Amino acid sequence: MTKSRLLFLVPLLSFFAFCSAPVSAVQLEGIVLSEKGPVVDVVVTAYPDYSSLLNKQNGIRSTPGEKPGQYRLTVPEGKYYLVASGNDGSTPLFGYHGLNPIHVEEGYRWIPLVAMPVDHAECEPGFQGIGGRVLYKGRPVENSSVTVYPLTDEPFRGMGLFTNTVPEDGTFWFDLDPGRYVVIARKRNGGGAIGPISKGDLLCYFSGNPVQVPPAQSCMIDVPCYPRNDIDAFLAEDATDPRGKKEKTRVSASLREVDEKDSARLLAGDIRRPAFITGRVTTLTGFPLSSLYISAYPADGQDLFQMYVLRMKTEHMTRTDDKGFFRLELRSGSYYLVARERVGDAPIAGEYYGIYEGTPNHSIDLQPNEIKTGVHIIAESIMP
């Protein structure tokens, strides 16, 4: 080999050696729990994206941990969908981490998962869509919010395609086009359908996701819930308590301080919204209404407000304070402003509901950098 060729190959080989350098590995450990305690013979798999999870491809499988129900998993630094599979006697179990996809960095993480019985949608001829119940320990979860996402909405945060507030009986219904959908519900103890998930709030994932909606068929499902970071509330009275001497160390290495930012699109600063609306919501007699949702639905190209708008997806939402005041940051354009107690579905009897009436077609126009103040919306309780 000539000297000139050798001089050429040295930097080239150095380049390939640099490119093939190993990526930092992250050590994950955790435990998988059912209501009865640790799930024996459990396997946790880390998938790089939701498509891989559905197809069961490109997953990294765990090895057993030091105690029953525990697992060990070594993965390169990155984002992963963590799911668990196991069984409780003859009952197959499935666990989906409520913060998926989880971003893991170099170091060590203790990540527990909750596993629920595997379930499937029951579809039969009828109204086309998905319906069912949101349940915690077999009981209806009233005032939770249930969201349906198309697969293109990965990672399934925010208001999704539609979001409904669940009434006292825990039921919900979505009219949908044929297709595949992911159904996730959440119950925030502080109320509301948006915002971070905190300790004790309920996370609810249907194990049969995605639900395939055939033409002219109704698909019914039960969506089970579990509380975030609250083992005492979740475990049954006769369950095996998995906590031991290492509990404090594991808590410090867990995802306890990581919030699920499913309102990220509402709060993110990466989208510039140079226009502002401030105002107040009251009853006809002037009584201020607190904790109402204020939603701004794009009205460009529409001559008049239509009720179906309430079921549309919007990124523009806030809530009134204890004196009924609100503030919205928006892009310039035309909007319908709606004040109500629920989101995502049609108004129901007893609900406070109102729409901006400052123009004949109920829309409000915003110019770039414009600030509109003093916007008044009157909301009244809907009669049966």
Protein backbone atom coordinates (compact mmCIF):
# COMPACT_ATOMS: atom_id res chain seq x y z
CA MET A 1 0.00 0.00 0.00
CA THR A 2 1.36 3.41 -0.94
CA LYS A 3 2.07 6.06 1.67
CA SER A 4 -0.51 8.41 0.14
CA ARG A 5 -3.29 5.80 0.46
CA LEU A 6 -2.31 5.12 4.06
CA LEU A 7 -2.48 8.81 4.89
CA PHE A 8 -6.00 8.90 3.37
CA LEU A 9 -7.25 5.85 5.29
CA VAL A 10 -6.11 6.96 8.75
CA PRO A 11 -8.52 9.92 9.10
CA LEU A 12 -11.27 7.89 7.38
CA LEU A 13 -10.96 5.06 9.89
CA SER A 14 -10.90 7.58 12.73
CA PHE A 15 -14.17 9.04 11.41
CA PHE A 16 -15.93 5.65 11.38
CA ALA A 17 -14.57 4.85 14.83
CA PHE A 18 -16.06 8.13 16.11
CA CYS A 19 -19.42 7.47 14.45
CA SER A 20 -19.66 3.97 15.90
CA ALA A 21 -18.89 5.13 19.45
CA PRO A 22 -21.44 3.63 21.87
CA VAL A 23 -24.37 5.79 22.96
CA SER A 24 -24.69 6.40 26.71
CA ALA A 25 -26.68 3.63 28.36
CA VAL A 26 -29.37 4.18 30.96
CA GLN A 27 -30.17 1.66 33.65
CA LEU A 28 -33.90 1.36 34.34
CA GLU A 29 -35.35 -0.63 37.20
CA GLY A 30 -38.82 -0.78 38.63
CA ILE A 31 -41.75 -2.83 39.77
CA VAL A 32 -45.02 -3.73 38.08
CA LEU A 33 -48.10 -3.76 40.33
CA SER A 34 -51.66 -4.93 40.07
CA GLU A 35 -54.21 -4.23 42.80
CA LYS A 36 -53.06 -7.45 44.49
CA GLY A 37 -49.41 -6.40 44.61
CA PRO A 38 -46.31 -7.26 42.53
CA VAL A 39 -46.98 -9.00 39.20
CA VAL A 40 -44.95 -12.20 39.00
CA ASP A 41 -43.08 -13.15 35.80
CA VAL A 42 -43.60 -9.69 34.34
CA VAL A 43 -41.81 -8.38 31.25
CA VAL A 44 -41.35 -4.66 30.55
CA THR A 45 -40.57 -3.59 27.00
CA ALA A 46 -39.26 -0.22 25.81
CA TYR A 47 -40.35 0.82 22.31
CA PRO A 48 -38.90 3.83 20.42
CA ASP A 49 -42.34 4.94 19.12
CA TYR A 50 -46.01 3.98 19.25
CA SER A 51 -45.95 2.32 15.85
CA SER A 52 -43.25 -0.07 17.08
CA LEU A 53 -45.38 -0.79 20.16
CA LEU A 54 -48.40 -1.69 17.99
CA ASN A 55 -46.34 -3.90 15.72
CA LYS A 56 -44.25 -5.32 18.59
CA GLN A 57 -41.06 -4.45 16.76
CA ASN A 58 -37.76 -2.83 17.80
CA GLY A 59 -38.53 -3.35 21.48
CA ILE A 60 -35.95 -3.82 24.23
CA ARG A 61 -37.13 -6.42 26.77
CA SER A 62 -36.38 -6.45 30.46
CA THR A 63 -34.78 -9.12 32.62
CA PRO A 64 -36.08 -10.08 36.09
CA GLY A 65 -35.19 -7.88 39.06
CA GLU A 66 -34.10 -8.98 42.49
CA LYS A 67 -37.64 -9.47 43.86
CA PRO A 68 -41.00 -10.65 42.44
CA GLY A 69 -42.56 -8.09 40.13
CA GLN A 70 -39.31 -6.17 39.66
CA TYR A 71 -37.52 -5.71 36.34
CA ARG A 72 -34.21 -4.44 34.95
CA LEU A 73 -33.80 -2.76 31.59
CA THR A 74 -30.78 -1.19 29.90
CA VAL A 75 -31.52 1.20 27.03
CA PRO A 76 -29.67 3.89 25.09
CA GLU A 77 -30.47 7.46 26.09
CA GLY A 78 -33.69 8.65 24.42
CA LYS A 79 -37.49 8.52 24.48
CA TYR A 80 -39.44 5.29 24.98
CA TYR A 81 -42.94 3.91 25.36
CA LEU A 82 -42.78 1.59 28.36
CA VAL A 83 -45.34 -1.21 28.57
CA ALA A 84 -45.63 -4.23 30.84
CA SER A 85 -47.13 -7.66 30.28
CA GLY A 86 -47.77 -10.40 32.80
CA ASN A 87 -50.61 -12.35 34.34
CA ASP A 88 -52.59 -12.76 37.51
CA GLY A 89 -53.25 -16.49 37.49
CA SER A 90 -55.25 -17.01 34.29
CA THR A 91 -55.89 -13.28 33.74
CA PRO A 92 -53.53 -11.55 31.27
CA LEU A 93 -52.36 -8.12 32.46
CA PHE A 94 -51.12 -5.08 30.55
CA GLY A 95 -49.49 -1.89 31.78
CA TYR A 96 -48.95 1.40 29.91
CA HIS A 97 -46.98 4.11 31.67
CA GLY A 98 -49.07 7.26 31.95
CA LEU A 99 -46.14 9.54 31.10
CA ASN A 100 -45.30 7.78 27.82
CA PRO A 101 -43.15 8.49 25.94
CA ILE A 102 -40.63 8.80 28.76
CA HIS A 103 -37.35 10.60 28.15
CA VAL A 104 -34.49 8.83 29.93
CA GLU A 105 -31.01 10.28 30.23
CA GLU A 106 -27.65 8.92 31.32
CA GLY A 107 -27.78 7.48 34.82
CA TYR A 108 -30.32 5.44 36.76
CA ARG A 109 -34.13 5.54 36.95
CA TRP A 110 -36.61 3.65 39.12
CA ILE A 111 -39.87 3.48 37.11
CA PRO A 112 -42.89 1.60 38.52
CA LEU A 113 -45.78 0.58 36.25
CA VAL A 114 -49.37 -0.45 36.97
CA ALA A 115 -50.89 -3.43 35.14
CA MET A 116 -54.62 -3.93 34.51
CA PRO A 117 -56.56 -6.88 33.04
CA VAL A 118 -56.34 -7.01 29.24
CA ASP A 119 -59.60 -5.93 27.60
CA HIS A 120 -60.96 -5.59 24.08
CA ALA A 121 -63.57 -3.40 22.39
CA GLU A 122 -66.96 -4.96 21.70
CA CYS A 123 -68.29 -3.70 18.36
CA GLU A 124 -71.72 -4.32 16.88
CA PRO A 125 -73.98 -2.64 14.29
CA GLY A 126 -75.26 0.72 15.48
CA PHE A 127 -74.28 4.37 15.66
CA GLN A 128 -70.74 4.73 14.38
CA GLY A 129 -68.21 5.58 17.08
CA ILE A 130 -66.73 4.70 20.47
CA GLY A 131 -68.54 4.70 23.80
CA GLY A 132 -68.08 3.24 27.22
CA ARG A 133 -67.22 3.97 30.83
CA VAL A 134 -64.29 5.42 32.81
CA LEU A 135 -63.77 3.30 35.94
CA TYR A 136 -61.57 3.26 39.02
CA LYS A 137 -61.73 0.04 41.05
CA GLY A 138 -64.94 -0.78 39.17
CA ARG A 139 -66.68 2.50 40.04
CA PRO A 140 -67.59 5.35 37.65
CA VAL A 141 -65.14 8.26 37.59
CA GLU A 142 -67.32 11.34 37.34
CA ASN A 143 -65.92 14.69 36.16
CA SER A 144 -62.96 13.01 34.50
CA SER A 145 -62.03 13.96 30.95
CA VAL A 146 -61.82 11.32 28.24
CA THR A 147 -60.00 12.03 25.00
CA VAL A 148 -59.91 10.23 21.67
CA TYR A 149 -56.79 10.60 19.53
CA PRO A 150 -56.08 9.55 15.94
CA LEU A 151 -52.82 7.62 15.61
CA THR A 152 -51.26 10.67 13.96
CA ASP A 153 -51.61 12.54 17.29
CA GLU A 154 -48.75 10.60 18.92
CA PRO A 155 -47.65 11.17 21.72
CA PHE A 156 -51.32 11.62 22.72
CA ARG A 157 -51.23 14.81 24.74
CA GLY A 158 -53.67 17.69 24.93
CA MET A 159 -57.28 17.82 23.78
CA GLY A 160 -56.88 15.33 20.93
CA LEU A 161 -59.51 14.98 18.23
CA PHE A 162 -62.34 15.22 20.79
CA THR A 163 -62.44 15.54 24.58
CA ASN A 164 -65.56 14.90 26.65
CA THR A 165 -66.24 15.58 30.32
CA VAL A 166 -67.55 12.43 31.98
CA PRO A 167 -70.84 12.72 33.96
CA GLU A 168 -71.73 10.96 37.23
CA ASP A 169 -72.32 7.57 35.66
CA GLY A 170 -68.84 7.53 34.08
CA THR A 171 -70.15 7.12 30.53
CA PHE A 172 -68.98 8.76 27.31
CA TRP A 173 -69.65 8.63 23.57
CA PHE A 174 -67.81 9.89 20.45
CA ASP A 175 -69.26 10.01 16.93
CA LEU A 176 -66.28 9.05 14.75
CA ASP A 177 -65.32 8.26 11.21
CA PRO A 178 -64.13 4.68 10.56
CA GLY A 179 -60.52 4.32 11.63
CA ARG A 180 -58.17 3.52 14.53
CA TYR A 181 -58.21 5.63 17.69
CA VAL A 182 -56.41 5.78 21.04
CA VAL A 183 -58.65 6.45 24.07
CA ILE A 184 -57.13 7.95 27.23
CA ALA A 185 -58.91 9.44 30.25
CA ARG A 186 -57.63 11.57 33.12
CA LYS A 187 -59.12 12.77 36.38
CA ARG A 188 -57.47 15.78 38.00
CA ASN A 189 -58.39 16.27 41.63
CA GLY A 190 -58.10 20.01 41.10
CA GLY A 191 -60.69 19.77 38.31
CA GLY A 192 -60.34 20.50 34.62
CA ALA A 193 -59.47 18.74 31.42
CA ILE A 194 -56.06 20.32 30.91
CA GLY A 195 -52.88 20.81 32.90
CA PRO A 196 -50.23 18.62 34.55
CA ILE A 197 -51.04 15.32 36.24
CA SER A 198 -50.19 15.44 39.96
CA LYS A 199 -49.95 12.92 42.78
CA GLY A 200 -53.29 11.19 43.32
CA ASP A 201 -54.74 12.21 39.96
CA LEU A 202 -56.08 9.33 37.89
CA LEU A 203 -54.50 8.09 34.64
CA CYS A 204 -56.68 5.82 32.50
CA TYR A 205 -55.56 3.88 29.42
CA PHE A 206 -57.59 1.30 27.50
CA SER A 207 -55.46 -1.83 27.09
CA GLY A 208 -57.12 -2.60 23.73
CA ASN A 209 -55.86 0.63 22.16
CA PRO A 210 -56.01 1.50 19.36
CA VAL A 211 -59.74 0.86 18.89
CA GLN A 212 -60.70 -0.02 15.32
CA VAL A 213 -64.06 1.60 14.43
CA PRO A 214 -65.69 -0.24 11.49
CA PRO A 215 -68.32 1.48 9.31
CA ALA A 216 -71.78 1.69 10.94
CA GLN A 217 -70.68 0.01 14.18
CA SER A 218 -70.64 1.03 17.83
CA CYS A 219 -67.56 -0.01 19.79
CA MET A 220 -67.97 -0.15 23.57
CA ILE A 221 -65.06 -0.16 26.04
CA ASP A 222 -64.24 0.21 29.74
CA VAL A 223 -61.27 2.48 30.50
CA PRO A 224 -59.67 1.55 33.87
CA CYS A 225 -57.81 4.12 35.96
CA TYR A 226 -55.07 4.15 38.58
CA PRO A 227 -53.74 7.00 40.78
CA ARG A 228 -50.38 8.53 40.02
CA ASN A 229 -47.77 8.06 42.77
CA ASP A 230 -50.28 6.78 45.32
CA ILE A 231 -49.67 3.09 46.02
CA ASP A 232 -51.69 3.16 49.24
CA ALA A 233 -54.83 4.24 47.40
CA PHE A 234 -54.32 1.73 44.59
CA LEU A 235 -53.49 -1.52 46.38
CA ALA A 236 -56.31 -3.69 47.71
CA GLU A 237 -56.54 -4.16 51.48
CA ASP A 238 -55.10 -7.69 51.33
CA ALA A 239 -52.42 -6.83 48.74
CA THR A 240 -48.73 -7.54 49.19
CA ASP A 241 -46.97 -4.24 49.96
CA PRO A 242 -43.89 -4.05 47.68
CA ARG A 243 -42.08 -1.28 49.55
CA GLY A 244 -38.92 -1.99 51.47
CA LYS A 245 -35.68 -0.50 52.77
CA LYS A 246 -34.77 1.03 49.39
CA GLU A 247 -38.01 3.01 49.04
CA LYS A 248 -36.49 6.45 49.70
CA THR A 249 -33.64 5.87 47.24
CA ARG A 250 -36.05 4.66 44.58
CA VAL A 251 -38.39 7.62 45.01
CA SER A 252 -35.50 10.01 44.42
CA ALA A 253 -34.65 8.14 41.19
CA SER A 254 -38.25 7.91 40.00
CA LEU A 255 -40.31 10.11 37.68
CA ARG A 256 -42.27 11.54 40.59
CA GLU A 257 -41.33 15.13 39.73
CA VAL A 258 -42.02 14.71 36.01
CA ASP A 259 -45.35 16.25 35.00
CA GLU A 260 -47.40 14.97 32.11
CA LYS A 261 -47.68 18.14 30.03
CA ASP A 262 -50.78 17.18 28.13
CA SER A 263 -51.51 20.89 28.00
CA ALA A 264 -48.16 21.50 26.32
CA ARG A 265 -49.71 22.85 23.16
CA LEU A 266 -51.75 25.28 25.21
CA LEU A 267 -48.86 26.56 27.29
CA ALA A 268 -45.80 26.16 25.06
CA GLY A 269 -43.86 29.27 24.24
CA ASP A 270 -42.63 28.00 20.90
CA ILE A 271 -45.76 29.24 19.09
CA ARG A 272 -45.94 33.02 18.97
CA ARG A 273 -49.39 34.40 19.76
CA PRO A 274 -49.14 38.17 19.58
CA ALA A 275 -52.83 38.94 20.23
CA PHE A 276 -54.57 38.99 23.61
CA ILE A 277 -58.13 38.89 24.93
CA THR A 278 -59.04 39.69 28.51
CA GLY A 279 -62.52 39.69 29.93
CA ARG A 280 -65.00 38.37 32.44
CA VAL A 281 -67.79 35.82 32.63
CA THR A 282 -70.88 36.53 34.73
CA THR A 283 -74.51 35.55 34.97
CA LEU A 284 -77.18 37.87 33.58
CA THR A 285 -77.45 39.47 37.02
CA GLY A 286 -73.69 40.13 37.15
CA PHE A 287 -72.64 37.26 39.44
CA PRO A 288 -69.06 36.21 38.54
CA LEU A 289 -68.56 32.61 37.42
CA SER A 290 -65.30 30.94 38.42
CA SER A 291 -63.54 27.86 36.99
CA LEU A 292 -65.37 27.98 33.65
CA TYR A 293 -63.50 26.94 30.52
CA ILE A 294 -63.02 29.70 27.96
CA SER A 295 -62.42 28.18 24.54
CA ALA A 296 -61.58 30.10 21.37
CA TYR A 297 -62.62 28.27 18.19
CA PRO A 298 -61.33 29.56 14.82
CA ALA A 299 -64.16 31.32 12.97
CA ASP A 300 -62.39 32.30 9.75
CA GLY A 301 -64.47 31.33 6.73
CA GLN A 302 -67.63 30.73 8.78
CA ASP A 303 -70.61 33.08 8.59
CA LEU A 304 -72.31 31.98 11.80
CA PHE A 305 -71.58 29.97 14.91
CA GLN A 306 -72.78 26.34 14.74
CA MET A 307 -73.12 23.96 17.70
CA TYR A 308 -70.88 21.32 16.13
CA VAL A 309 -67.98 23.74 16.72
CA LEU A 310 -68.04 22.71 20.40
CA ARG A 311 -66.81 19.24 19.46
CA MET A 312 -63.87 20.57 17.46
CA LYS A 313 -60.30 20.49 18.63
CA THR A 314 -58.83 23.80 19.82
CA GLU A 315 -55.47 24.74 21.28
CA HIS A 316 -56.82 28.00 22.70
CA MET A 317 -58.24 27.47 26.17
CA THR A 318 -58.08 28.95 29.65
CA ARG A 319 -60.23 29.10 32.79
CA THR A 320 -61.85 31.92 34.72
CA ASP A 321 -60.44 32.87 38.12
CA ASP A 322 -62.44 33.15 41.33
CA LYS A 323 -63.80 36.53 40.18
CA GLY A 324 -64.75 35.35 36.71
CA PHE A 325 -61.84 37.03 34.88
CA PHE A 326 -59.88 35.33 32.08
CA ARG A 327 -56.98 36.02 29.71
CA LEU A 328 -56.25 34.32 26.38
CA GLU A 329 -53.16 34.51 24.16
CA LEU A 330 -53.99 33.94 20.49
CA ARG A 331 -52.76 34.40 16.97
CA SER A 332 -54.44 37.10 14.97
CA GLY A 333 -57.68 35.99 13.31
CA SER A 334 -61.37 35.51 13.96
CA TYR A 335 -62.68 33.39 16.86
CA TYR A 336 -65.84 32.19 18.61
CA LEU A 337 -65.49 32.55 22.38
CA VAL A 338 -67.42 30.03 24.45
CA ALA A 339 -67.66 29.83 28.26
CA ARG A 340 -68.84 26.60 29.87
CA GLU A 341 -68.26 24.06 32.64
CA ARG A 342 -67.44 21.12 30.34
CA VAL A 343 -65.41 20.62 27.20
CA GLY A 344 -65.64 18.53 24.06
CA ASP A 345 -69.32 17.62 23.93
CA ALA A 346 -72.75 19.25 23.67
CA PRO A 347 -74.04 21.36 26.59
CA ILE A 348 -76.10 19.45 29.14
CA ALA A 349 -78.92 20.44 31.48
CA GLY A 350 -77.71 22.40 34.51
CA GLU A 351 -74.40 23.40 32.95
CA TYR A 352 -73.37 27.06 32.87
CA TYR A 353 -72.93 27.96 29.21
CA GLY A 354 -72.48 31.19 27.27
CA ILE A 355 -71.07 32.55 24.03
CA TYR A 356 -69.64 35.94 23.13
CA GLU A 357 -72.46 38.13 21.79
CA GLY A 358 -70.58 41.31 20.91
CA THR A 359 -71.17 40.83 17.16
CA PRO A 360 -74.16 39.52 15.14
CA ASN A 361 -72.41 36.22 14.28
CA HIS A 362 -70.75 35.87 17.75
CA SER A 363 -67.18 36.11 16.41
CA ILE A 364 -64.43 38.38 17.66
CA ASP A 365 -61.63 39.59 15.35
CA LEU A 366 -58.01 40.11 16.39
CA GLN A 367 -55.29 41.97 14.51
CA PRO A 368 -51.56 41.26 14.99
CA ASN A 369 -50.38 42.54 18.38
CA GLU A 370 -53.91 43.69 19.27
CA ILE A 371 -55.09 43.59 22.87
CA LYS A 372 -58.84 43.40 23.42
CA THR A 373 -59.95 44.13 26.97
CA GLY A 374 -63.29 44.23 28.70
CA VAL A 375 -64.78 41.31 26.78
CA HIS A 376 -67.95 40.24 28.59
CA ILE A 377 -69.59 36.83 28.25
CA ILE A 378 -72.90 36.07 29.94
CA ALA A 379 -73.40 32.43 30.94
CA GLU A 380 -76.53 30.89 32.36
CA SER A 381 -77.48 27.46 33.64
CA ILE A 382 -79.08 25.45 30.84
CA MET A 383 -82.64 24.40 31.62
CA PRO A 384 -83.72 20.77 31.08
